[in-house]
Amino acid sequence: MTFSPPLEISTPEDSVNTRRIPGELPGTYAEDLGNTPAKARSVPAPVFGATDRRRGWIVTLILTAIGALTRFINLGTPTDKGTPVFDEKHYVPQAWQVLTGDNWLEDNPAYGLVVHPPVGKWMIAIGEWIFGYDAWGWRFMSAVCGTLMILVVIRLVRRLSRSTLVGAIAGVLLICDGVTFVASRTGLLDIFQIFFVVAALSCIVCDRDQMRARMHRVHLEGRMADSVYGPRLGFRWWRFGAAILLGLACGTKWSGIYFVMFFIVLSLGFDVAARRAYGVRRPWRGVLVRDLVPTGFSLGVTPILVYLATFAPWFASETAVYRYEVGRKIGTGGPFTWVPDALRSLWYYESGVLDFHSHLTNSAGNHHPWESKPWTWPMSLRPMLYYIEYGPDKCGESDCVRAMMFIGTPILWWLALPMLAWALWRMFIRRDWRYAVVLTGYGAAFLPWFGNLDRQMYFFYGTAIAPFLIMGLALIIGDVLSASRRARKNPYEWRLVGAVGVSIYIGLVVLNFMWMWPILTGSPISRELWNMQIWLPSWS
């Protein structure tokens, strides 16, 4: 049994220690994305994730507990005189109707604006079932999922970096991120979707490691050359779990479909890289023959089935809105008569939702004072003010201000562009698969919104960017520590410089989060302090 040193940092170059095959050249990490000729390839060592499992779980649970404290402290504030704030006013009553009505349905589109699938409202309803119709009730499950996301990100980054320390750094950064913090303390839908998305990505990374373990076993048994396409990999439970979670993400908000498409590409990329790394003679054809159809069914079809399953109460209801539209607003003839009436009615319902969103455009006259476009999201340049109240408390000589602002912690979010530049360089030049994971998630959360810039948009549409920004920053910090550890000249001094620099940065992140705490939680502050919190004109 071996134990890693307390502050071990593993990098791809360190951890891909290759197992030599007689007559072959030593391998490099670049093989992992498949840019090395087959005759020069070695077989990667079967090392996946950090090896200090016990310490890893202790660190994970401690940081998750700290994150839970930040998410649950004073969770019941602020409110609008005991009622929901901001868009909670839509989803909280809908969740209550789900809980108190028939068949777990919300069916009043005229008042409730039922324009999103039901899963997020079911989650809110769980908290309302436990605590009742108050702020703790409608925010409880948001705080639970926001806390669990900290655990998932720690474990995911730990697996990517093969370092418990880097995983812990990711946990600290996520705890101090203003976007996920506020999302975890409000009864809105976004926190549920990004939790399902990050959990799905974790499953895909676990599937990558499991498939490489299977490939390695085939290699050791000498069966790799039995087919030019490589071995069949069997049923992939981690990938199936990812499909279920992606279906729940789509069942929370439609934008989950972007992650389905991006993650399918990522999973197939992992399969190509694995077959190349183990010397399969036709890796691309192998993926087409062995992996493409199973991946399509698993990550493509299963999320659709899960999405449809989330409408099971709607299908079972006799009174659900738009449940029986065939023969009323939908004709009984036409080329789609073979489709069951229930699915045609659901399509009518969903097409109405799409029509509602498609008319929320600037050209149609829809403008909002806190609207923002996607190019402002990476640096959180135009946040959202969820709540503000002046007085009646006294803070010094003036009335107090209570405000809740949906905003990214600047010392994290203002590094988004350098993070993306570094990630692109590592992915395309150094062939670093870890940054491919980060960029895939970031791209799915960000790029599709450029497809219709006329649409009315807000910063909270970019909530899903946050965990991938944190993951990228944590991996970069790991690279800094690794580079200082590998320095050939004055290694002790460089290691000290790296550790001190990283410690200062993390300390600044924590201080920045503490400074912003009042405007993230609606705590009473003076007008002078409120003005000091507004760093940019675009924040007001």
Protein backbone atom coordinates (compact mmCIF):
# COMPACT_ATOMS: atom_id res chain seq x y z
CA MET A 1 0.00 0.00 0.00
CA THR A 2 1.32 3.41 -0.93
CA PHE A 3 0.43 6.84 0.35
CA SER A 4 0.82 10.18 -1.40
CA PRO A 5 2.62 13.00 0.37
CA PRO A 6 0.33 15.52 2.08
CA LEU A 7 0.65 18.22 -0.59
CA GLU A 8 1.23 16.11 -3.67
CA ILE A 9 0.29 17.75 -6.95
CA SER A 10 -0.13 15.43 -9.92
CA THR A 11 -0.01 16.75 -13.45
CA PRO A 12 -0.83 14.95 -16.68
CA GLU A 13 2.85 14.69 -17.53
CA ASP A 14 3.54 13.16 -14.10
CA SER A 15 0.61 10.81 -13.91
CA VAL A 16 0.48 9.29 -17.36
CA ASN A 17 3.55 7.19 -16.46
CA THR A 18 3.48 4.81 -19.36
CA ARG A 19 4.01 1.08 -19.25
CA ARG A 20 6.70 0.27 -21.82
CA ILE A 21 6.12 -2.41 -24.42
CA PRO A 22 9.31 -4.01 -25.79
CA GLY A 23 10.45 -2.23 -28.92
CA GLU A 24 8.27 0.86 -28.40
CA LEU A 25 9.32 4.37 -27.50
CA PRO A 26 8.41 5.96 -24.16
CA GLY A 27 4.96 7.53 -24.25
CA THR A 28 3.99 11.10 -23.52
CA TYR A 29 0.82 12.70 -22.24
CA ALA A 30 0.08 14.00 -25.74
CA GLU A 31 -0.93 10.47 -26.66
CA ASP A 32 -4.01 10.93 -24.52
CA LEU A 33 -5.71 12.95 -27.25
CA GLY A 34 -4.22 10.86 -29.97
CA ASN A 35 -1.53 12.78 -31.85
CA THR A 36 1.23 10.15 -31.65
CA PRO A 37 1.90 7.54 -34.38
CA ALA A 38 0.77 4.05 -33.42
CA LYS A 39 4.24 2.54 -33.68
CA ALA A 40 5.58 5.08 -31.14
CA ARG A 41 2.77 4.62 -28.63
CA SER A 42 3.10 3.17 -25.14
CA VAL A 43 0.20 2.08 -23.01
CA PRO A 44 -0.99 4.49 -20.29
CA ALA A 45 -0.71 3.29 -16.73
CA PRO A 46 -4.11 2.48 -15.20
CA VAL A 47 -4.06 5.40 -12.74
CA PHE A 48 -7.31 7.31 -12.40
CA GLY A 49 -7.84 10.05 -9.84
CA ALA A 50 -5.85 10.76 -6.69
CA THR A 51 -4.81 7.73 -4.66
CA ASP A 52 -5.38 9.15 -1.15
CA ARG A 53 -9.03 8.11 -0.95
CA ARG A 54 -9.51 8.40 2.80
CA ARG A 55 -7.95 11.84 3.02
CA GLY A 56 -9.81 12.86 -0.12
CA TRP A 57 -13.19 12.10 1.42
CA ILE A 58 -12.30 13.81 4.70
CA VAL A 59 -11.31 17.00 2.88
CA THR A 60 -14.39 16.78 0.65
CA LEU A 61 -16.82 16.39 3.55
CA ILE A 62 -15.24 19.17 5.61
CA LEU A 63 -15.42 21.65 2.74
CA THR A 64 -18.95 20.56 1.88
CA ALA A 65 -19.98 21.19 5.49
CA ILE A 66 -18.44 24.67 5.35
CA GLY A 67 -20.28 25.31 2.10
CA ALA A 68 -23.52 24.15 3.73
CA LEU A 69 -23.09 26.71 6.50
CA THR A 70 -22.73 29.53 4.00
CA ARG A 71 -25.76 28.37 2.02
CA PHE A 72 -28.10 27.79 4.98
CA ILE A 73 -27.25 30.70 7.31
CA ASN A 74 -30.23 33.13 7.34
CA LEU A 75 -31.71 31.29 4.36
CA GLY A 76 -35.11 32.81 5.12
CA THR A 77 -34.01 36.34 4.27
CA PRO A 78 -34.61 38.48 2.36
CA THR A 79 -38.30 38.36 1.47
CA ASP A 80 -40.73 40.89 0.10
CA LYS A 81 -42.72 41.31 3.33
CA GLY A 82 -42.85 37.54 3.73
CA THR A 83 -43.46 36.82 0.05
CA PRO A 84 -41.03 35.63 -2.65
CA VAL A 85 -38.57 37.98 -4.33
CA PHE A 86 -37.74 38.45 -8.01
CA ASP A 87 -38.76 35.44 -10.19
CA GLU A 88 -39.45 33.38 -7.10
CA LYS A 89 -42.89 34.96 -7.53
CA HIS A 90 -43.44 32.67 -10.54
CA TYR A 91 -41.90 29.36 -9.47
CA VAL A 92 -42.71 29.32 -5.76
CA PRO A 93 -46.51 29.51 -6.25
CA GLN A 94 -46.27 26.98 -9.06
CA ALA A 95 -44.38 24.60 -6.77
CA TRP A 96 -47.03 25.12 -4.09
CA GLN A 97 -49.73 24.31 -6.62
CA VAL A 98 -47.80 21.18 -7.56
CA LEU A 99 -47.78 20.19 -3.90
CA THR A 100 -51.36 21.04 -2.99
CA GLY A 101 -53.16 20.41 -6.29
CA ASP A 102 -53.92 17.19 -8.09
CA ASN A 103 -51.38 14.90 -9.75
CA TRP A 104 -48.28 17.06 -9.11
CA LEU A 105 -49.26 19.58 -11.76
CA GLU A 106 -49.20 23.32 -12.17
CA ASP A 107 -51.88 24.21 -14.68
CA ASN A 108 -52.61 27.91 -14.62
CA PRO A 109 -50.62 29.44 -17.49
CA ALA A 110 -52.61 32.67 -17.40
CA TYR A 111 -51.27 33.52 -13.94
CA GLY A 112 -48.31 31.29 -13.37
CA LEU A 113 -46.56 31.60 -16.75
CA VAL A 114 -45.95 27.85 -16.97
CA VAL A 115 -43.12 28.05 -19.46
CA HIS A 116 -40.64 25.57 -18.00
CA PRO A 117 -40.77 21.80 -17.49
CA PRO A 118 -41.77 20.50 -14.05
CA VAL A 119 -38.61 19.08 -12.42
CA GLY A 120 -37.33 22.32 -10.87
CA LYS A 121 -40.76 23.06 -9.43
CA TRP A 122 -40.94 19.56 -7.97
CA MET A 123 -37.64 20.23 -6.24
CA ILE A 124 -38.93 23.48 -4.74
CA ALA A 125 -42.12 21.67 -3.70
CA ILE A 126 -40.10 19.16 -1.65
CA GLY A 127 -38.85 21.95 0.57
CA GLU A 128 -42.33 23.44 0.83
CA TRP A 129 -43.66 20.03 1.86
CA ILE A 130 -41.08 19.87 4.67
CA PHE A 131 -41.17 23.46 5.96
CA GLY A 132 -44.38 24.90 4.55
CA TYR A 133 -45.02 27.94 2.41
CA ASP A 134 -42.29 30.24 3.69
CA ALA A 135 -38.81 31.29 2.61
CA TRP A 136 -37.13 28.31 4.23
CA GLY A 137 -39.56 26.02 2.47
CA TRP A 138 -39.16 27.38 -1.02
CA ARG A 139 -35.37 27.81 -0.74
CA PHE A 140 -34.44 24.65 1.13
CA MET A 141 -33.85 22.37 -1.86
CA SER A 142 -31.91 25.10 -3.67
CA ALA A 143 -29.51 25.21 -0.71
CA VAL A 144 -29.31 21.41 -0.65
CA CYS A 145 -28.42 21.17 -4.35
CA GLY A 146 -26.02 24.12 -4.09
CA THR A 147 -24.24 22.34 -1.24
CA LEU A 148 -24.13 18.99 -3.03
CA MET A 149 -22.70 20.72 -6.10
CA ILE A 150 -19.69 21.73 -3.98
CA LEU A 151 -19.12 18.06 -3.16
CA VAL A 152 -19.46 17.02 -6.81
CA VAL A 153 -17.08 19.72 -8.07
CA ILE A 154 -14.45 18.80 -5.48
CA ARG A 155 -14.59 15.14 -6.49
CA LEU A 156 -14.65 15.97 -10.21
CA VAL A 157 -11.64 18.31 -10.10
CA ARG A 158 -9.83 15.86 -7.83
CA ARG A 159 -10.32 13.17 -10.46
CA LEU A 160 -9.29 15.48 -13.30
CA SER A 161 -6.15 16.72 -11.55
CA ARG A 162 -5.36 13.54 -9.64
CA SER A 163 -4.78 15.74 -6.62
CA THR A 164 -6.84 16.13 -3.46
CA LEU A 165 -5.29 19.56 -2.94
CA VAL A 166 -6.46 20.88 -6.31
CA GLY A 167 -9.91 19.42 -5.71
CA ALA A 168 -10.01 21.19 -2.33
CA ILE A 169 -9.00 24.48 -3.98
CA ALA A 170 -11.90 24.09 -6.42
CA GLY A 171 -14.22 23.57 -3.44
CA VAL A 172 -13.01 26.75 -1.73
CA LEU A 173 -13.41 28.79 -4.92
CA LEU A 174 -16.93 27.46 -5.47
CA ILE A 175 -17.93 28.21 -1.88
CA CYS A 176 -16.84 31.82 -2.45
CA ASP A 177 -18.51 32.27 -5.85
CA GLY A 178 -21.30 34.84 -5.66
CA VAL A 179 -23.32 33.41 -8.57
CA THR A 180 -23.74 29.87 -7.27
CA PHE A 181 -24.08 31.25 -3.73
CA VAL A 182 -27.10 33.42 -4.57
CA ALA A 183 -28.56 30.72 -6.83
CA SER A 184 -28.36 28.34 -3.84
CA ARG A 185 -30.30 30.77 -1.65
CA THR A 186 -33.25 31.55 -3.93
CA GLY A 187 -36.23 29.51 -5.05
CA LEU A 188 -35.36 29.61 -8.76
CA LEU A 189 -34.69 26.84 -11.29
CA ASP A 190 -31.08 27.45 -12.36
CA ILE A 191 -29.35 25.82 -9.39
CA PHE A 192 -31.17 22.54 -10.02
CA GLN A 193 -30.22 22.48 -13.68
CA ILE A 194 -26.53 23.19 -13.11
CA PHE A 195 -26.40 20.60 -10.32
CA PHE A 196 -27.76 17.95 -12.68
CA VAL A 197 -25.37 19.10 -15.44
CA VAL A 198 -22.24 19.03 -13.25
CA ALA A 199 -23.23 15.65 -11.83
CA ALA A 200 -23.74 14.36 -15.39
CA LEU A 201 -20.29 15.61 -16.42
CA SER A 202 -18.79 13.85 -13.41
CA CYS A 203 -20.41 10.62 -14.56
CA ILE A 204 -18.95 11.06 -18.05
CA VAL A 205 -15.45 11.56 -16.63
CA CYS A 206 -15.93 8.47 -14.45
CA ASP A 207 -17.07 6.59 -17.55
CA ARG A 208 -13.88 7.68 -19.31
CA ASP A 209 -11.77 6.20 -16.53
CA GLN A 210 -13.82 3.01 -16.35
CA MET A 211 -13.55 2.43 -20.10
CA ARG A 212 -9.79 2.92 -19.96
CA ALA A 213 -9.64 0.38 -17.15
CA ARG A 214 -11.53 -2.08 -19.36
CA MET A 215 -9.22 -1.33 -22.27
CA HIS A 216 -6.23 -1.93 -20.04
CA ARG A 217 -7.59 -5.30 -18.96
CA VAL A 218 -8.04 -6.30 -22.60
CA HIS A 219 -4.46 -5.18 -23.28
CA LEU A 220 -3.09 -7.26 -20.41
CA GLU A 221 -5.02 -10.27 -21.66
CA GLY A 222 -3.46 -9.83 -25.10
CA ARG A 223 -6.78 -9.43 -26.92
CA MET A 224 -6.33 -5.89 -28.23
CA ALA A 225 -5.39 -7.09 -31.74
CA ASP A 226 -8.39 -9.42 -32.07
CA SER A 227 -10.18 -6.75 -34.09
CA VAL A 228 -8.96 -3.72 -35.99
CA TYR A 229 -11.77 -1.79 -34.29
CA GLY A 230 -10.70 -2.68 -30.78
CA PRO A 231 -12.82 -4.38 -28.10
CA ARG A 232 -16.48 -3.92 -27.28
CA LEU A 233 -16.68 -2.11 -23.97
CA GLY A 234 -19.91 -3.52 -22.56
CA PHE A 235 -22.70 -1.68 -20.82
CA ARG A 236 -21.59 1.69 -19.45
CA TRP A 237 -23.40 2.43 -16.21
CA TRP A 238 -21.69 5.76 -15.58
CA ARG A 239 -22.73 7.00 -19.00
CA PHE A 240 -26.27 5.78 -18.39
CA GLY A 241 -26.29 7.72 -15.12
CA ALA A 242 -25.14 10.81 -17.01
CA ALA A 243 -28.04 10.35 -19.42
CA ILE A 244 -30.56 10.23 -16.57
CA LEU A 245 -29.11 13.41 -15.07
CA LEU A 246 -29.12 15.18 -18.43
CA GLY A 247 -32.76 14.24 -18.83
CA LEU A 248 -33.48 15.84 -15.46
CA ALA A 249 -31.53 18.94 -16.54
CA CYS A 250 -33.74 19.19 -19.64
CA GLY A 251 -36.76 18.56 -17.41
CA THR A 252 -35.77 21.64 -15.42
CA LYS A 253 -35.06 24.05 -18.29
CA TRP A 254 -34.91 23.48 -22.03
CA SER A 255 -31.36 24.80 -22.23
CA GLY A 256 -30.27 21.41 -20.89
CA ILE A 257 -30.40 20.17 -24.49
CA TYR A 258 -27.22 22.12 -25.24
CA PHE A 259 -25.35 20.08 -22.64
CA VAL A 260 -26.73 16.86 -24.13
CA MET A 261 -25.25 17.73 -27.53
CA PHE A 262 -21.90 18.94 -26.20
CA PHE A 263 -21.48 15.98 -23.83
CA ILE A 264 -22.18 13.46 -26.60
CA VAL A 265 -19.25 14.93 -28.52
CA LEU A 266 -17.06 14.86 -25.41
CA SER A 267 -17.88 11.22 -24.67
CA LEU A 268 -17.13 10.15 -28.23
CA GLY A 269 -13.88 12.13 -28.11
CA PHE A 270 -12.89 10.20 -25.00
CA ASP A 271 -13.62 6.94 -26.82
CA VAL A 272 -11.44 7.88 -29.79
CA ALA A 273 -8.60 8.92 -27.48
CA ALA A 274 -8.84 5.68 -25.48
CA ARG A 275 -8.72 3.47 -28.57
CA ARG A 276 -5.75 5.41 -29.96
CA ALA A 277 -3.92 5.29 -26.62
CA TYR A 278 -4.18 1.49 -26.54
CA GLY A 279 -2.98 1.00 -30.09
CA VAL A 280 -6.25 0.10 -31.82
CA ARG A 281 -5.46 0.00 -35.54
CA ARG A 282 -8.67 1.77 -36.66
CA PRO A 283 -9.66 3.92 -33.67
CA TRP A 284 -12.01 6.25 -35.56
CA ARG A 285 -13.76 3.40 -37.32
CA GLY A 286 -13.77 1.56 -34.02
CA VAL A 287 -15.74 4.37 -32.43
CA LEU A 288 -18.12 4.47 -35.40
CA VAL A 289 -18.68 0.72 -35.25
CA ARG A 290 -18.52 0.08 -31.50
CA ASP A 291 -19.48 3.31 -29.74
CA LEU A 292 -21.52 5.69 -31.91
CA VAL A 293 -24.88 3.90 -31.79
CA PRO A 294 -24.71 2.98 -28.06
CA THR A 295 -23.68 6.57 -27.27
CA GLY A 296 -26.55 7.90 -29.36
CA PHE A 297 -29.07 5.71 -27.57
CA SER A 298 -27.60 6.38 -24.14
CA LEU A 299 -26.84 10.09 -24.22
CA GLY A 300 -29.24 11.01 -27.02
CA VAL A 301 -32.40 8.94 -26.58
CA THR A 302 -32.41 8.34 -22.82
CA PRO A 303 -32.54 12.07 -21.88
CA ILE A 304 -35.55 12.45 -24.20
CA LEU A 305 -37.29 9.52 -22.51
CA VAL A 306 -36.51 10.96 -19.09
CA TYR A 307 -37.83 14.34 -20.20
CA LEU A 308 -41.08 12.75 -21.36
CA ALA A 309 -41.27 10.80 -18.09
CA THR A 310 -41.22 14.07 -16.15
CA PHE A 311 -44.59 14.80 -17.79
CA ALA A 312 -46.10 11.55 -16.50
CA PRO A 313 -48.51 13.43 -14.17
CA TRP A 314 -49.57 15.58 -17.14
CA PHE A 315 -50.20 12.50 -19.28
CA ALA A 316 -52.17 10.87 -16.45
CA SER A 317 -54.36 13.89 -15.77
CA GLU A 318 -57.80 14.40 -17.23
CA THR A 319 -57.76 18.14 -16.53
CA ALA A 320 -54.18 19.21 -17.27
CA VAL A 321 -53.84 22.30 -19.45
CA TYR A 322 -53.74 21.43 -23.18
CA ARG A 323 -53.97 17.73 -22.36
CA TYR A 324 -56.66 16.99 -24.98
CA GLU A 325 -56.06 19.32 -27.91
CA VAL A 326 -56.36 16.81 -30.75
CA GLY A 327 -59.73 17.46 -32.35
CA ARG A 328 -59.90 20.93 -30.80
CA LYS A 329 -56.90 23.09 -31.74
CA ILE A 330 -55.06 20.25 -33.46
CA GLY A 331 -56.60 18.60 -36.52
CA THR A 332 -57.26 14.86 -36.58
CA GLY A 333 -55.75 14.44 -40.03
CA GLY A 334 -52.42 15.21 -41.60
CA PRO A 335 -49.07 13.41 -41.85
CA PHE A 336 -48.66 12.98 -38.06
CA THR A 337 -51.80 11.00 -37.32
CA TRP A 338 -49.58 8.04 -36.44
CA VAL A 339 -48.27 9.96 -33.42
CA PRO A 340 -50.29 9.24 -30.26
CA ASP A 341 -52.76 11.99 -29.40
CA ALA A 342 -51.12 12.56 -26.00
CA LEU A 343 -47.75 13.31 -27.61
CA ARG A 344 -49.36 15.59 -30.20
CA SER A 345 -51.09 17.51 -27.40
CA LEU A 346 -47.78 17.79 -25.53
CA TRP A 347 -46.16 19.09 -28.71
CA TYR A 348 -48.88 21.73 -28.96
CA TYR A 349 -48.26 22.70 -25.34
CA GLU A 350 -44.47 22.90 -25.81
CA SER A 351 -44.75 24.78 -29.11
CA GLY A 352 -46.80 27.40 -27.26
CA VAL A 353 -44.00 27.72 -24.73
CA LEU A 354 -41.49 28.12 -27.56
CA ASP A 355 -43.69 30.77 -29.14
CA PHE A 356 -43.84 32.63 -25.83
CA HIS A 357 -40.03 32.72 -25.59
CA SER A 358 -39.55 33.60 -29.25
CA HIS A 359 -41.56 36.80 -28.81
CA LEU A 360 -39.44 38.01 -25.88
CA THR A 361 -37.24 40.04 -28.20
CA ASN A 362 -35.87 43.56 -28.15
CA SER A 363 -37.25 44.23 -31.62
CA ALA A 364 -40.74 43.43 -30.28
CA GLY A 365 -40.27 46.13 -27.66
CA ASN A 366 -39.29 43.92 -24.72
CA HIS A 367 -36.66 45.74 -22.70
CA HIS A 368 -35.65 45.48 -19.06
CA PRO A 369 -33.34 47.76 -17.06
CA TRP A 370 -31.22 44.79 -15.95
CA GLU A 371 -31.00 43.09 -19.33
CA SER A 372 -27.59 41.96 -20.54
CA LYS A 373 -26.12 40.20 -23.56
CA PRO A 374 -23.88 37.10 -23.49
CA TRP A 375 -20.60 38.93 -24.11
CA THR A 376 -20.98 40.59 -20.69
CA TRP A 377 -21.49 37.31 -18.80
CA PRO A 378 -17.95 35.86 -18.57
CA MET A 379 -16.80 38.76 -16.36
CA SER A 380 -20.18 39.37 -14.70
CA LEU A 381 -20.22 42.91 -16.03
CA ARG A 382 -23.99 43.36 -15.85
CA PRO A 383 -25.36 41.52 -12.80
CA MET A 384 -28.98 41.30 -11.64
CA LEU A 385 -30.55 43.07 -8.67
CA TYR A 386 -32.93 40.53 -7.14
CA TYR A 387 -34.09 42.62 -4.20
CA ILE A 388 -33.54 46.04 -2.62
CA GLU A 389 -35.20 47.86 0.28
CA TYR A 390 -34.34 51.16 1.94
CA GLY A 391 -34.98 51.50 5.68
CA PRO A 392 -36.65 51.38 8.11
CA ASP A 393 -33.53 50.23 10.04
CA LYS A 394 -30.87 52.76 10.91
CA CYS A 395 -27.24 52.09 9.98
CA GLY A 396 -25.30 54.91 11.58
CA GLU A 397 -26.86 58.22 10.59
CA SER A 398 -28.72 57.00 7.50
CA ASP A 399 -31.34 54.46 6.57
CA CYS A 400 -30.13 50.95 5.95
CA VAL A 401 -30.04 49.30 2.54
CA ARG A 402 -30.97 45.65 2.15
CA ALA A 403 -30.02 44.32 -1.26
CA MET A 404 -29.54 40.92 -2.88
CA MET A 405 -27.50 41.10 -6.06
CA PHE A 406 -26.84 38.18 -8.39
CA ILE A 407 -23.19 38.80 -9.20
CA GLY A 408 -19.97 36.85 -9.61
CA THR A 409 -17.14 37.37 -7.14
CA PRO A 410 -14.93 39.76 -9.15
CA ILE A 411 -11.57 38.22 -8.27
CA LEU A 412 -12.88 34.98 -9.78
CA TRP A 413 -14.98 36.20 -12.68
CA TRP A 414 -12.62 38.92 -13.87
CA LEU A 415 -10.09 36.17 -14.68
CA ALA A 416 -12.50 34.42 -17.07
CA LEU A 417 -10.79 35.53 -20.29
CA PRO A 418 -7.24 34.55 -19.15
CA MET A 419 -8.66 31.24 -17.92
CA LEU A 420 -10.27 30.55 -21.30
CA ALA A 421 -7.09 31.50 -23.16
CA TRP A 422 -4.98 29.18 -21.00
CA ALA A 423 -7.53 26.37 -21.34
CA LEU A 424 -7.59 26.69 -25.14
CA TRP A 425 -3.78 26.61 -25.27
CA ARG A 426 -3.59 23.57 -23.00
CA MET A 427 -6.28 21.76 -24.96
CA PHE A 428 -5.14 22.41 -28.53
CA ILE A 429 -1.38 22.80 -28.10
CA ARG A 430 -0.56 20.59 -25.14
CA ARG A 431 -3.40 18.11 -25.84
CA ASP A 432 -4.58 18.29 -22.23
CA TRP A 433 -7.89 16.43 -21.93
CA ARG A 434 -8.73 18.03 -18.57
CA TYR A 435 -9.26 21.41 -20.19
CA ALA A 436 -11.35 19.79 -22.91
CA VAL A 437 -13.77 18.86 -20.11
CA VAL A 438 -13.84 22.43 -18.80
CA LEU A 439 -14.25 24.03 -22.23
CA THR A 440 -16.99 21.61 -23.27
CA GLY A 441 -19.09 22.50 -20.24
CA TYR A 442 -18.33 26.21 -20.53
CA GLY A 443 -19.13 26.21 -24.23
CA ALA A 444 -22.47 24.45 -23.72
CA ALA A 445 -23.42 27.01 -21.06
CA PHE A 446 -22.31 30.05 -23.06
CA LEU A 447 -22.07 29.72 -26.83
CA PRO A 448 -25.68 28.77 -27.74
CA TRP A 449 -26.95 32.10 -26.41
CA PHE A 450 -25.26 33.89 -29.31
CA GLY A 451 -27.73 32.22 -31.67
CA ASN A 452 -30.42 34.85 -31.10
CA LEU A 453 -29.01 38.09 -29.73
CA ASP A 454 -32.31 39.89 -30.29
CA ARG A 455 -33.81 37.83 -27.47
CA GLN A 456 -34.32 39.46 -24.10
CA MET A 457 -31.56 38.05 -21.89
CA TYR A 458 -30.30 38.35 -18.34
CA PHE A 459 -27.12 37.40 -16.53
CA PHE A 460 -28.82 34.57 -14.65
CA TYR A 461 -29.14 32.77 -18.02
CA GLY A 462 -25.37 32.30 -17.70
CA THR A 463 -25.52 30.71 -14.24
CA ALA A 464 -24.24 27.42 -15.65
CA ILE A 465 -20.94 29.11 -16.60
CA ALA A 466 -19.94 29.34 -12.94
CA PRO A 467 -18.86 25.77 -12.08
CA PHE A 468 -16.78 25.46 -15.25
CA LEU A 469 -15.07 28.78 -14.57
CA ILE A 470 -14.19 27.50 -11.09
CA MET A 471 -12.93 24.19 -12.45
CA GLY A 472 -10.71 25.94 -14.99
CA LEU A 473 -9.22 28.28 -12.37
CA ALA A 474 -8.54 25.37 -10.02
CA LEU A 475 -6.74 23.41 -12.73
CA ILE A 476 -4.62 26.47 -13.57
CA ILE A 477 -3.68 26.82 -9.90
CA GLY A 478 -2.68 23.16 -10.01
CA ASP A 479 -0.52 23.88 -13.06
CA VAL A 480 1.18 26.74 -11.20
CA LEU A 481 1.95 24.54 -8.22
CA SER A 482 3.18 21.74 -10.47
CA ALA A 483 5.45 24.04 -12.46
CA SER A 484 7.02 25.41 -9.28
CA ARG A 485 7.52 21.88 -7.97
CA ARG A 486 9.30 20.77 -11.14
CA ALA A 487 11.65 23.76 -11.32
CA ARG A 488 15.23 22.57 -11.89
CA LYS A 489 16.96 25.70 -10.65
CA ASN A 490 16.38 26.61 -7.01
CA PRO A 491 13.46 24.16 -6.67
CA TYR A 492 12.79 24.99 -3.02
CA GLU A 493 12.54 28.72 -3.71
CA TRP A 494 10.23 28.21 -6.68
CA ARG A 495 8.05 25.83 -4.71
CA LEU A 496 7.80 28.42 -1.95
CA VAL A 497 6.96 31.18 -4.46
CA GLY A 498 4.25 29.03 -6.02
CA ALA A 499 2.71 28.09 -2.67
CA VAL A 500 2.77 31.67 -1.40
CA GLY A 501 1.30 33.07 -4.62
CA VAL A 502 -1.53 30.54 -4.63
CA SER A 503 -2.21 31.11 -0.92
CA ILE A 504 -2.41 34.87 -1.44
CA TYR A 505 -4.83 34.46 -4.32
CA ILE A 506 -7.12 32.09 -2.40
CA GLY A 507 -6.99 34.46 0.58
CA LEU A 508 -8.06 37.33 -1.67
CA VAL A 509 -10.94 35.26 -3.02
CA VAL A 510 -12.18 34.58 0.51
CA LEU A 511 -11.81 38.26 1.51
CA ASN A 512 -13.62 39.40 -1.66
CA PHE A 513 -16.49 37.01 -0.86
CA MET A 514 -16.67 38.25 2.73
CA TRP A 515 -16.73 41.87 1.53
CA MET A 516 -19.64 41.13 -0.80
CA TRP A 517 -21.56 39.04 1.75
CA PRO A 518 -24.04 41.85 2.63
CA ILE A 519 -25.15 42.43 -0.98
CA LEU A 520 -25.38 38.69 -1.64
CA THR A 521 -27.60 37.99 1.36
CA GLY A 522 -29.71 41.12 1.81
CA SER A 523 -28.01 42.06 5.07
CA PRO A 524 -28.58 45.65 6.28
CA ILE A 525 -25.77 48.05 5.42
CA SER A 526 -25.46 51.82 5.31
CA ARG A 527 -25.93 53.76 2.09
CA GLU A 528 -22.24 54.64 2.18
CA LEU A 529 -21.23 50.98 2.31
CA TRP A 530 -23.78 50.17 -0.40
CA ASN A 531 -22.16 52.77 -2.67
CA MET A 532 -18.74 51.26 -1.91
CA GLN A 533 -20.02 47.85 -3.03
CA ILE A 534 -20.85 49.17 -6.52
CA TRP A 535 -17.47 48.90 -8.24
CA LEU A 536 -18.59 49.50 -11.82
CA PRO A 537 -21.24 51.78 -13.35
CA SER A 538 -22.81 48.71 -15.00
CA TRP A 539 -23.55 47.28 -11.54
CA SER A 540 -26.20 49.88 -10.84
